[in-house]
Amino acid sequence: MKSRIRRYARVLLFLFIGLLILWLITRGQDVEQIREEFRQARYGWILLAMGCALLSHFIRAVRWNMLIRALGYQTKPLQTFYAVMTGYLANLALPRMGEITRCVTLNKASKTPFNVLAGTVVAERVFDFFSLWAIVFITIATQFDFLKNFLYRIFWSPLLQAGAEHWLRAALMAGAAILLIAGAILFMRRKLSDPPEGGFFYKLKRQLRGFGNGIKTIKTMKGKGWFLLYTVLIWGLYYLTVYLCFFAIQATSHLTPVAGVTLLAVGSLGILAPVPGGIGTYHFLTILTLTELYGIRSEPATSYAYITHATQIVVNILAGSVAWFMLSIREKHQATPSQFQEHDT
């Protein structure tokens, strides 16, 4: 009971932080101009972006099937798709709850053991983690000079203009950070070497072991080429949801495809924050990138951030609700014959 209260309190705290960030980045802007951007938006492009988002979720379900079948279990693509969408729906209420929810949902629908499904989700997340950092690397490599000038203007130039006192303070903070990181690594190594059963570090060690097993699952799986192709398609469709929304607003319609890669990388990092649905953090990083890196005015940049975020949220809510409804109907149909049998006996 106490752990549940703490979990909800943590979610409410992060939600408050996200909403506070939204308020901070919106205040001082011309709200009427932002509304005008919404009124004049080209919604055909937004609907197309929503279609790409929905298709990416279906391909994710097909890719998940590959991991499940690699362990000797059979699940239908539609079942896994429904489970994926209910997971996304759960994530809007409780961050990181979606992984558990989709495993529980698919366990009920296909009778596949929960621990097997949890292992495949870990494997999937491992691959997505490396995919995201590959996109970040591509962003840096393709726009190195652009980003270098941006970082010089925002960070390095103010430091050069600062006095010796600021440099000394920065050096002390960097040294303290290095010592803290080194101490944390040594502390974790000692705690994880032989942790008592049932404790926090025991559970953490199990999670890390699951991380390693996830990598092994991908390594030993048949059809790695298809798995890689599905991954490319998923992230390619994610990219299209970002890039197509450029054309929904006049102020961003001139941005290049490379800018779309940058916004995908930045937005994905914003979604990773422990805030429900990436509220606030996604908007902040997207607006900062558009205004500081590409010179877009704050009002259209804010409108773009709201549109792209809403595109993903609306798809997850609508498709997740339909998936939950369909699974509920199937569960009732499966329960009906057994109920009649019990009544007859």
Protein backbone atom coordinates (compact mmCIF):
# COMPACT_ATOMS: atom_id res chain seq x y z
CA MET A 1 0.00 0.00 0.00
CA LYS A 2 2.78 2.42 0.96
CA SER A 3 4.76 1.61 -2.18
CA ARG A 4 1.66 2.29 -4.30
CA ILE A 5 1.13 5.65 -2.58
CA ARG A 6 4.80 6.53 -3.16
CA ARG A 7 4.49 5.55 -6.83
CA TYR A 8 1.42 7.74 -7.37
CA ALA A 9 3.01 10.59 -5.43
CA ARG A 10 6.10 10.35 -7.65
CA VAL A 11 3.95 10.39 -10.80
CA LEU A 12 2.03 13.44 -9.58
CA LEU A 13 5.30 15.18 -8.70
CA PHE A 14 6.78 14.60 -12.17
CA LEU A 15 3.48 15.59 -13.78
CA PHE A 16 3.58 18.85 -11.81
CA ILE A 17 7.18 19.41 -12.94
CA GLY A 18 6.19 18.80 -16.56
CA LEU A 19 3.24 21.19 -16.36
CA LEU A 20 5.47 23.76 -14.65
CA ILE A 21 7.95 23.50 -17.55
CA LEU A 22 5.06 23.98 -20.00
CA TRP A 23 3.97 27.11 -18.14
CA LEU A 24 7.52 28.50 -17.99
CA ILE A 25 8.16 28.03 -21.72
CA THR A 26 4.74 29.44 -22.70
CA ARG A 27 4.58 32.49 -20.46
CA GLY A 28 5.61 35.72 -22.09
CA GLN A 29 4.65 34.43 -25.53
CA ASP A 30 1.81 35.72 -27.68
CA VAL A 31 -0.84 33.08 -26.90
CA GLU A 32 -3.20 34.47 -29.54
CA GLN A 33 -0.50 34.01 -32.19
CA ILE A 34 0.00 30.41 -31.05
CA ARG A 35 -3.75 29.85 -31.44
CA GLU A 36 -3.61 31.40 -34.88
CA GLU A 37 -0.85 28.95 -35.83
CA PHE A 38 -3.16 26.12 -34.80
CA ARG A 39 -6.08 27.55 -36.80
CA GLN A 40 -3.96 27.92 -39.94
CA ALA A 41 -2.21 24.54 -39.58
CA ARG A 42 -2.45 22.12 -42.51
CA TYR A 43 -4.16 19.19 -40.80
CA GLY A 44 -3.74 16.87 -43.77
CA TRP A 45 -0.03 16.61 -42.94
CA ILE A 46 -0.89 15.98 -39.28
CA LEU A 47 -3.28 13.13 -40.19
CA LEU A 48 -0.56 11.63 -42.39
CA ALA A 49 1.89 11.84 -39.47
CA MET A 50 -0.67 10.13 -37.22
CA GLY A 51 -0.97 7.31 -39.78
CA CYS A 52 2.83 6.86 -39.71
CA ALA A 53 2.79 6.71 -35.90
CA LEU A 54 0.06 4.05 -35.91
CA LEU A 55 1.89 1.97 -38.54
CA SER A 56 5.12 2.15 -36.50
CA HIS A 57 3.26 0.66 -33.51
CA PHE A 58 1.96 -2.23 -35.65
CA ILE A 59 5.46 -2.97 -36.97
CA ARG A 60 6.72 -2.88 -33.37
CA ALA A 61 4.16 -5.57 -32.56
CA VAL A 62 5.35 -7.71 -35.52
CA ARG A 63 8.96 -7.29 -34.37
CA TRP A 64 7.98 -8.27 -30.82
CA ASN A 65 6.42 -11.44 -32.24
CA MET A 66 9.81 -12.41 -33.64
CA LEU A 67 11.38 -12.33 -30.18
CA ILE A 68 8.52 -14.30 -28.63
CA ARG A 69 8.66 -16.99 -31.34
CA ALA A 70 12.43 -17.24 -30.94
CA LEU A 71 11.69 -18.61 -27.45
CA GLY A 72 9.24 -21.21 -28.77
CA TYR A 73 5.89 -19.47 -28.21
CA GLN A 74 3.29 -18.52 -30.82
CA THR A 75 1.38 -15.22 -30.68
CA LYS A 76 -0.72 -13.51 -33.32
CA PRO A 77 0.32 -10.08 -34.67
CA LEU A 78 -3.09 -8.58 -33.83
CA GLN A 79 -2.81 -9.80 -30.24
CA THR A 80 0.64 -8.27 -29.82
CA PHE A 81 -0.55 -5.04 -31.48
CA TYR A 82 -3.42 -4.73 -29.01
CA ALA A 83 -1.00 -5.42 -26.15
CA VAL A 84 1.47 -2.79 -27.41
CA MET A 85 -1.27 -0.16 -27.66
CA THR A 86 -2.66 -0.88 -24.18
CA GLY A 87 0.91 -0.50 -22.95
CA TYR A 88 1.22 2.93 -24.55
CA LEU A 89 -2.13 3.88 -23.01
CA ALA A 90 -0.90 2.82 -19.56
CA ASN A 91 2.30 4.84 -20.02
CA LEU A 92 0.24 8.03 -20.20
CA ALA A 93 -0.97 7.40 -16.66
CA LEU A 94 2.14 5.84 -15.11
CA PRO A 95 5.52 6.20 -16.85
CA ARG A 96 7.29 2.86 -17.46
CA MET A 97 4.07 0.99 -16.57
CA GLY A 98 3.45 0.23 -20.25
CA GLU A 99 6.05 -2.56 -20.42
CA ILE A 100 4.38 -4.43 -17.56
CA THR A 101 0.88 -3.74 -18.88
CA ARG A 102 1.53 -5.10 -22.35
CA CYS A 103 3.15 -8.24 -20.91
CA VAL A 104 0.15 -8.84 -18.61
CA THR A 105 -2.26 -8.15 -21.49
CA LEU A 106 -0.56 -10.54 -23.91
CA ASN A 107 -0.20 -13.16 -21.17
CA LYS A 108 -4.00 -13.17 -20.74
CA ALA A 109 -4.67 -13.12 -24.50
CA SER A 110 -2.18 -15.79 -25.60
CA LYS A 111 -1.30 -17.67 -22.36
CA THR A 112 2.38 -16.97 -22.99
CA PRO A 113 4.26 -16.94 -19.64
CA PHE A 114 4.76 -13.46 -18.20
CA ASN A 115 8.48 -13.93 -17.48
CA VAL A 116 9.08 -14.93 -21.13
CA LEU A 117 7.29 -11.80 -22.35
CA ALA A 118 9.18 -9.60 -19.88
CA GLY A 119 12.48 -10.96 -21.19
CA THR A 120 11.54 -10.16 -24.77
CA VAL A 121 10.55 -6.61 -23.80
CA VAL A 122 13.97 -6.15 -22.21
CA ALA A 123 15.60 -7.39 -25.44
CA GLU A 124 13.48 -4.98 -27.46
CA ARG A 125 14.38 -2.05 -25.24
CA VAL A 126 18.08 -2.91 -25.50
CA PHE A 127 17.91 -2.66 -29.27
CA ASP A 128 15.89 0.56 -29.17
CA PHE A 129 18.41 2.05 -26.74
CA PHE A 130 21.26 1.48 -29.19
CA SER A 131 19.07 2.66 -32.08
CA LEU A 132 18.38 5.97 -30.33
CA TRP A 133 22.05 6.61 -29.67
CA ALA A 134 22.83 5.73 -33.29
CA ILE A 135 20.40 8.48 -34.32
CA VAL A 136 22.06 10.90 -31.88
CA PHE A 137 25.44 10.02 -33.41
CA ILE A 138 24.08 10.55 -36.94
CA THR A 139 22.69 13.92 -35.85
CA ILE A 140 26.08 15.03 -34.52
CA ALA A 141 27.99 13.66 -37.54
CA THR A 142 25.75 15.25 -40.18
CA GLN A 143 25.52 18.65 -38.49
CA PHE A 144 28.84 18.87 -36.69
CA ASP A 145 29.74 22.42 -37.78
CA PHE A 146 26.19 23.62 -37.17
CA LEU A 147 26.09 22.13 -33.67
CA LYS A 148 29.63 23.31 -32.92
CA ASN A 149 28.67 26.93 -33.64
CA PHE A 150 25.51 26.50 -31.58
CA LEU A 151 27.40 25.13 -28.55
CA TYR A 152 30.03 27.85 -28.91
CA ARG A 153 27.38 30.57 -28.86
CA ILE A 154 25.34 29.11 -26.00
CA PHE A 155 28.01 27.65 -23.69
CA TRP A 156 31.64 28.30 -24.64
CA SER A 157 31.39 32.00 -25.49
CA PRO A 158 29.83 32.96 -22.09
CA LEU A 159 32.61 30.99 -20.35
CA LEU A 160 35.32 32.84 -22.31
CA GLN A 161 33.79 36.15 -21.29
CA ALA A 162 33.60 35.10 -17.65
CA GLY A 163 36.32 35.86 -15.15
CA ALA A 164 38.79 33.55 -13.40
CA GLU A 165 36.32 33.07 -10.53
CA HIS A 166 33.79 31.42 -12.85
CA TRP A 167 36.47 29.18 -14.37
CA LEU A 168 37.61 28.07 -10.91
CA ARG A 169 34.02 27.34 -9.89
CA ALA A 170 33.45 25.32 -13.07
CA ALA A 171 36.67 23.33 -12.50
CA LEU A 172 35.70 22.57 -8.88
CA MET A 173 32.24 21.44 -9.96
CA ALA A 174 33.71 19.22 -12.69
CA GLY A 175 36.19 17.70 -10.24
CA ALA A 176 33.44 17.06 -7.68
CA ALA A 177 31.28 15.44 -10.37
CA ILE A 178 34.13 13.11 -11.41
CA LEU A 179 34.74 12.08 -7.80
CA LEU A 180 31.03 11.45 -7.21
CA ILE A 181 30.74 9.31 -10.36
CA ALA A 182 33.86 7.31 -9.47
CA GLY A 183 32.58 6.80 -5.92
CA ALA A 184 29.15 5.72 -7.19
CA ILE A 185 30.73 3.16 -9.54
CA LEU A 186 32.83 1.65 -6.75
CA PHE A 187 29.82 1.62 -4.40
CA MET A 188 27.60 -0.13 -6.99
CA ARG A 189 30.26 -2.73 -7.79
CA ARG A 190 30.60 -3.62 -4.11
CA LYS A 191 26.82 -3.75 -3.53
CA LEU A 192 26.13 -5.84 -6.65
CA SER A 193 28.84 -8.42 -6.00
CA ASP A 194 26.75 -10.48 -3.53
CA PRO A 195 23.53 -8.65 -2.57
CA PRO A 196 21.11 -10.12 0.01
CA GLU A 197 18.06 -11.77 -1.55
CA GLY A 198 14.96 -9.61 -1.82
CA GLY A 199 16.74 -6.27 -1.39
CA PHE A 200 17.01 -3.36 -3.81
CA PHE A 201 20.45 -4.32 -5.13
CA TYR A 202 19.34 -7.94 -5.56
CA LYS A 203 16.47 -6.74 -7.77
CA LEU A 204 18.81 -4.38 -9.61
CA LYS A 205 21.24 -7.23 -10.29
CA ARG A 206 18.36 -9.30 -11.67
CA GLN A 207 17.40 -6.41 -13.94
CA LEU A 208 20.97 -6.11 -15.22
CA ARG A 209 21.07 -9.86 -15.80
CA GLY A 210 17.83 -9.54 -17.76
CA PHE A 211 19.47 -6.77 -19.78
CA GLY A 212 22.29 -9.16 -20.69
CA ASN A 213 19.89 -12.01 -21.49
CA GLY A 214 17.99 -9.62 -23.74
CA ILE A 215 21.12 -8.99 -25.78
CA LYS A 216 21.73 -12.76 -26.02
CA THR A 217 18.14 -13.29 -27.27
CA ILE A 218 18.73 -10.94 -30.19
CA LYS A 219 22.14 -12.52 -30.87
CA THR A 220 20.78 -16.10 -31.10
CA MET A 221 17.50 -15.24 -32.86
CA LYS A 222 16.78 -16.44 -36.39
CA GLY A 223 15.88 -13.88 -39.04
CA LYS A 224 18.10 -11.11 -37.70
CA GLY A 225 17.84 -9.34 -41.05
CA TRP A 226 14.06 -9.03 -40.70
CA PHE A 227 14.43 -7.84 -37.12
CA LEU A 228 16.88 -5.16 -38.26
CA LEU A 229 14.58 -4.17 -41.15
CA TYR A 230 11.60 -3.82 -38.79
CA THR A 231 13.72 -1.67 -36.47
CA VAL A 232 14.72 0.62 -39.36
CA LEU A 233 11.07 0.87 -40.43
CA ILE A 234 9.94 1.73 -36.88
CA TRP A 235 12.45 4.55 -36.51
CA GLY A 236 11.89 5.65 -40.09
CA LEU A 237 8.18 6.06 -39.35
CA TYR A 238 9.02 7.87 -36.11
CA TYR A 239 11.10 10.20 -38.24
CA LEU A 240 8.21 10.80 -40.64
CA THR A 241 5.87 11.74 -37.79
CA VAL A 242 8.35 14.50 -36.92
CA TYR A 243 9.28 15.55 -40.47
CA LEU A 244 5.76 15.61 -41.94
CA CYS A 245 4.62 17.97 -39.18
CA PHE A 246 7.13 20.53 -40.51
CA PHE A 247 4.72 21.12 -43.40
CA ALA A 248 1.75 21.63 -41.08
CA ILE A 249 3.11 25.07 -40.06
CA GLN A 250 4.31 27.71 -42.51
CA ALA A 251 7.25 28.77 -40.30
CA THR A 252 8.78 25.26 -40.22
CA SER A 253 7.92 24.11 -43.76
CA HIS A 254 11.36 25.14 -45.08
CA LEU A 255 13.34 22.95 -42.65
CA THR A 256 15.48 20.23 -44.23
CA PRO A 257 15.21 16.44 -43.78
CA VAL A 258 18.41 16.60 -41.68
CA ALA A 259 16.61 18.95 -39.29
CA GLY A 260 13.98 16.22 -38.93
CA VAL A 261 16.67 13.81 -37.72
CA THR A 262 17.78 16.38 -35.12
CA LEU A 263 14.21 16.91 -33.88
CA LEU A 264 13.69 13.12 -33.71
CA ALA A 265 16.81 12.69 -31.54
CA VAL A 266 15.99 15.62 -29.27
CA GLY A 267 12.31 14.70 -28.94
CA SER A 268 13.12 11.07 -28.14
CA LEU A 269 15.41 12.19 -25.32
CA GLY A 270 12.58 14.39 -24.01
CA ILE A 271 10.14 11.45 -24.04
CA LEU A 272 12.62 9.37 -21.98
CA ALA A 273 12.24 11.73 -19.00
CA PRO A 274 10.16 10.23 -16.14
CA VAL A 275 7.25 12.58 -16.87
CA PRO A 276 3.87 11.17 -18.01
CA GLY A 277 3.91 11.24 -21.80
CA GLY A 278 7.03 13.43 -21.88
CA ILE A 279 4.89 16.46 -21.02
CA GLY A 280 7.04 19.55 -20.66
CA THR A 281 10.42 17.96 -21.30
CA TYR A 282 9.56 17.08 -24.91
CA HIS A 283 8.19 20.57 -25.53
CA PHE A 284 11.14 22.31 -23.88
CA LEU A 285 13.82 20.46 -25.88
CA THR A 286 11.89 20.76 -29.16
CA ILE A 287 11.26 24.50 -28.74
CA LEU A 288 14.87 25.12 -27.66
CA THR A 289 16.19 23.29 -30.73
CA LEU A 290 13.88 25.11 -33.16
CA THR A 291 14.52 28.59 -31.72
CA GLU A 292 18.24 28.41 -30.91
CA LEU A 293 19.45 26.04 -33.63
CA TYR A 294 17.18 26.86 -36.58
CA GLY A 295 16.08 30.41 -35.79
CA ILE A 296 12.33 29.70 -35.67
CA ARG A 297 10.31 32.26 -33.70
CA SER A 298 9.11 31.04 -30.29
CA GLU A 299 5.36 31.07 -31.11
CA PRO A 300 5.50 28.77 -34.19
CA ALA A 301 8.14 26.65 -32.44
CA THR A 302 5.75 26.21 -29.50
CA SER A 303 2.88 25.37 -31.88
CA TYR A 304 5.03 22.75 -33.62
CA ALA A 305 6.00 21.17 -30.29
CA TYR A 306 2.37 20.96 -29.19
CA ILE A 307 1.24 19.55 -32.56
CA THR A 308 3.87 16.81 -32.77
CA HIS A 309 3.35 15.80 -29.14
CA ALA A 310 -0.44 15.80 -29.52
CA THR A 311 -0.10 13.67 -32.67
CA GLN A 312 1.55 10.90 -30.68
CA ILE A 313 -0.72 11.24 -27.63
CA VAL A 314 -3.96 11.20 -29.64
CA VAL A 315 -2.86 8.09 -31.56
CA ASN A 316 -1.95 6.32 -28.32
CA ILE A 317 -5.23 7.26 -26.62
CA LEU A 318 -7.51 6.34 -29.55
CA ALA A 319 -5.73 3.15 -30.62
CA GLY A 320 -5.04 2.14 -27.02
CA SER A 321 -8.70 2.54 -26.08
CA VAL A 322 -9.84 0.50 -29.10
CA ALA A 323 -7.27 -2.19 -28.29
CA TRP A 324 -8.41 -2.39 -24.66
CA PHE A 325 -12.05 -2.62 -25.80
CA MET A 326 -11.33 -5.39 -28.33
CA LEU A 327 -9.32 -7.41 -25.82
CA SER A 328 -12.11 -7.04 -23.25
CA ILE A 329 -14.67 -8.38 -25.75
CA ARG A 330 -12.43 -11.34 -26.65
CA GLU A 331 -11.87 -12.13 -22.97
CA LYS A 332 -15.63 -12.20 -22.36
CA HIS A 333 -16.19 -14.48 -25.39
CA GLN A 334 -13.50 -16.86 -24.14
CA ALA A 335 -15.02 -16.93 -20.65
CA THR A 336 -18.59 -17.60 -21.84
CA PRO A 337 -18.25 -21.32 -22.84
CA SER A 338 -16.62 -22.27 -19.54
CA GLN A 339 -19.38 -20.49 -17.64
CA PHE A 340 -22.02 -22.45 -19.56
CA GLN A 341 -20.17 -25.69 -18.82
CA GLU A 342 -20.11 -24.95 -15.10
CA HIS A 343 -23.82 -24.15 -15.24
CA ASP A 344 -24.62 -27.46 -17.02
CA THR A 345 -22.68 -29.53 -14.53
